[in-house]
Each structure stands twice: as C-alpha cells, then as structure tokens.
Amino acid sequence: MRQIYIDITEGMLILSGNRTADIEWHIENGVITGYGGAGTVLFEYLSSADITRVTAIPEPATVLLLGLGAVILRRKV
C-alpha cells in the first residue's frame, strides 16, 4: 500500500465529521505537515457545521522573512 503525505501550505483542509483523532495521529506521525514541515498544523472540530478544519501556520521566522521581503520590494517600486 502506498503512503500518502499531505502538506498544507497557505490554505486549509476541511473534512466532514469529527476527524480529530485521525488528524492528531496523522500530524504526530508526519503524514500531515504545514509549509513542508516548517510550520505548525492546528485542527479543530466545528460541531455547528459538523466539519474538522485543519490549518497550517508558518513558523514565526518565516513570517518575519516574508514581511521583510515585502518591505524591500515595496521600497524598490
């Protein structure tokens, strides 16, 4: 059987139903990552919509570098 790896980058994964136990196992075992493994993956079950939402958040250093890059590009324009 082929192993599938999911990398969530700049987005969100939405699954139907309460999948928190499954998602937690997949994150702990490196099956689901964010930003190529450099980010944090958060998940929550929204009972009102009966969905599990998985979101990737980049590490603070990545956010800082992206912000500095934007400032530099803006100054050159």
C-alpha atoms as a PDB file:
ATOM      1  CA  MET A   1       0.000   0.000   0.000  1.00  0.00           C
ATOM      2  CA  ARG A   2       1.270   3.452  -0.932  1.00  0.00           C
ATOM      3  CA  GLN A   3       1.629   6.068   1.828  1.00  0.00           C
ATOM      4  CA  ILE A   4       0.126   9.488   1.116  1.00  0.00           C
ATOM      5  CA  TYR A   5       1.625  12.648   2.617  1.00  0.00           C
ATOM      6  CA  ILE A   6      -0.317  15.902   2.770  1.00  0.00           C
ATOM      7  CA  ASP A   7       1.411  19.281   3.040  1.00  0.00           C
ATOM      8  CA  ILE A   8      -0.902  22.173   3.828  1.00  0.00           C
ATOM      9  CA  THR A   9       0.661  25.434   2.704  1.00  0.00           C
ATOM     10  CA  GLU A  10      -1.240  28.732   2.596  1.00  0.00           C
ATOM     11  CA  GLY A  11      -4.536  27.007   2.948  1.00  0.00           C
ATOM     12  CA  MET A  12      -6.954  24.975   4.891  1.00  0.00           C
ATOM     13  CA  LEU A  13      -8.117  21.379   4.753  1.00  0.00           C
ATOM     14  CA  ILE A  14     -11.784  20.779   5.596  1.00  0.00           C
ATOM     15  CA  LEU A  15     -13.084  17.283   6.330  1.00  0.00           C
ATOM     16  CA  SER A  16     -16.655  16.254   7.043  1.00  0.00           C
ATOM     17  CA  GLY A  17     -17.494  14.960  10.515  1.00  0.00           C
ATOM     18  CA  ASN A  18     -15.389  14.765  13.659  1.00  0.00           C
ATOM     19  CA  ARG A  19     -11.963  13.579  12.474  1.00  0.00           C
ATOM     20  CA  THR A  20      -9.885  14.976  15.346  1.00  0.00           C
ATOM     21  CA  ALA A  21      -8.475  11.605  16.489  1.00  0.00           C
ATOM     22  CA  ASP A  22      -7.464  10.695  12.940  1.00  0.00           C
ATOM     23  CA  ILE A  23      -5.934  14.103  12.257  1.00  0.00           C
ATOM     24  CA  GLU A  24      -3.990  14.093  15.525  1.00  0.00           C
ATOM     25  CA  TRP A  25      -2.431  10.711  14.667  1.00  0.00           C
ATOM     26  CA  HIS A  26      -1.533  11.854  11.144  1.00  0.00           C
ATOM     27  CA  ILE A  27       0.112  15.055  12.399  1.00  0.00           C
ATOM     28  CA  GLU A  28       2.121  13.205  15.080  1.00  0.00           C
ATOM     29  CA  ASN A  29       3.361  10.693  12.503  1.00  0.00           C
ATOM     30  CA  GLY A  30       4.321  13.303   9.902  1.00  0.00           C
ATOM     31  CA  VAL A  31       1.659  12.369   7.373  1.00  0.00           C
ATOM     32  CA  ILE A  32       0.128  15.859   7.514  1.00  0.00           C
ATOM     33  CA  THR A  33       2.558  18.792   7.611  1.00  0.00           C
ATOM     34  CA  GLY A  34       2.403  22.517   7.045  1.00  0.00           C
ATOM     35  CA  TYR A  35       4.843  24.518   4.961  1.00  0.00           C
ATOM     36  CA  GLY A  36       6.999  21.490   4.195  1.00  0.00           C
ATOM     37  CA  GLY A  37       7.289  20.603   7.874  1.00  0.00           C
ATOM     38  CA  ALA A  38       8.450  24.083   8.898  1.00  0.00           C
ATOM     39  CA  GLY A  39       5.033  25.201  10.091  1.00  0.00           C
ATOM     40  CA  THR A  40       2.562  24.283  12.788  1.00  0.00           C
ATOM     41  CA  VAL A  41      -0.611  22.398  11.930  1.00  0.00           C
ATOM     42  CA  LEU A  42      -3.697  23.159  14.000  1.00  0.00           C
ATOM     43  CA  PHE A  43      -7.064  21.445  13.846  1.00  0.00           C
ATOM     44  CA  GLU A  44     -10.487  21.920  15.364  1.00  0.00           C
ATOM     45  CA  TYR A  45     -13.893  20.298  15.171  1.00  0.00           C
ATOM     46  CA  LEU A  46     -16.757  22.697  14.451  1.00  0.00           C
ATOM     47  CA  SER A  47     -19.859  20.932  15.735  1.00  0.00           C
ATOM     48  CA  SER A  48     -22.248  23.528  14.318  1.00  0.00           C
ATOM     49  CA  ALA A  49     -21.097  22.680  10.778  1.00  0.00           C
ATOM     50  CA  ASP A  50     -20.039  19.066  11.559  1.00  0.00           C
ATOM     51  CA  ILE A  51     -16.609  19.582   9.986  1.00  0.00           C
ATOM     52  CA  THR A  52     -12.999  19.268  11.078  1.00  0.00           C
ATOM     53  CA  ARG A  53     -10.862  22.203   9.945  1.00  0.00           C
ATOM     54  CA  VAL A  54      -7.079  21.766   9.588  1.00  0.00           C
ATOM     55  CA  THR A  55      -4.946  24.893   9.146  1.00  0.00           C
ATOM     56  CA  ALA A  56      -1.197  25.382   8.607  1.00  0.00           C
ATOM     57  CA  ILE A  57       0.577  28.297  10.274  1.00  0.00           C
ATOM     58  CA  PRO A  58       4.121  29.211   9.211  1.00  0.00           C
ATOM     59  CA  GLU A  59       6.806  29.438  11.857  1.00  0.00           C
ATOM     60  CA  PRO A  60       7.471  32.984  13.165  1.00  0.00           C
ATOM     61  CA  ALA A  61      10.831  33.281  11.394  1.00  0.00           C
ATOM     62  CA  THR A  62       9.194  32.542   8.049  1.00  0.00           C
ATOM     63  CA  VAL A  63       6.534  35.177   8.648  1.00  0.00           C
ATOM     64  CA  LEU A  64       9.252  37.688   9.583  1.00  0.00           C
ATOM     65  CA  LEU A  65      11.240  36.955   6.403  1.00  0.00           C
ATOM     66  CA  LEU A  66       8.142  37.263   4.236  1.00  0.00           C
ATOM     67  CA  GLY A  67       7.342  40.610   5.856  1.00  0.00           C
ATOM     68  CA  LEU A  68      10.882  41.923   5.350  1.00  0.00           C
ATOM     69  CA  GLY A  69      10.826  40.808   1.723  1.00  0.00           C
ATOM     70  CA  ALA A  70       7.577  42.684   1.164  1.00  0.00           C
ATOM     71  CA  VAL A  71       9.040  45.857   2.699  1.00  0.00           C
ATOM     72  CA  ILE A  72      12.128  45.628   0.498  1.00  0.00           C
ATOM     73  CA  LEU A  73      10.060  45.065  -2.647  1.00  0.00           C
ATOM     74  CA  ARG A  74       7.795  47.963  -1.763  1.00  0.00           C
ATOM     75  CA  ARG A  75      10.740  50.344  -1.292  1.00  0.00           C
ATOM     76  CA  LYS A  76      12.159  49.436  -4.732  1.00  0.00           C
ATOM     77  CA  VAL A  77       8.891  50.255  -6.517  1.00  0.00           C
END
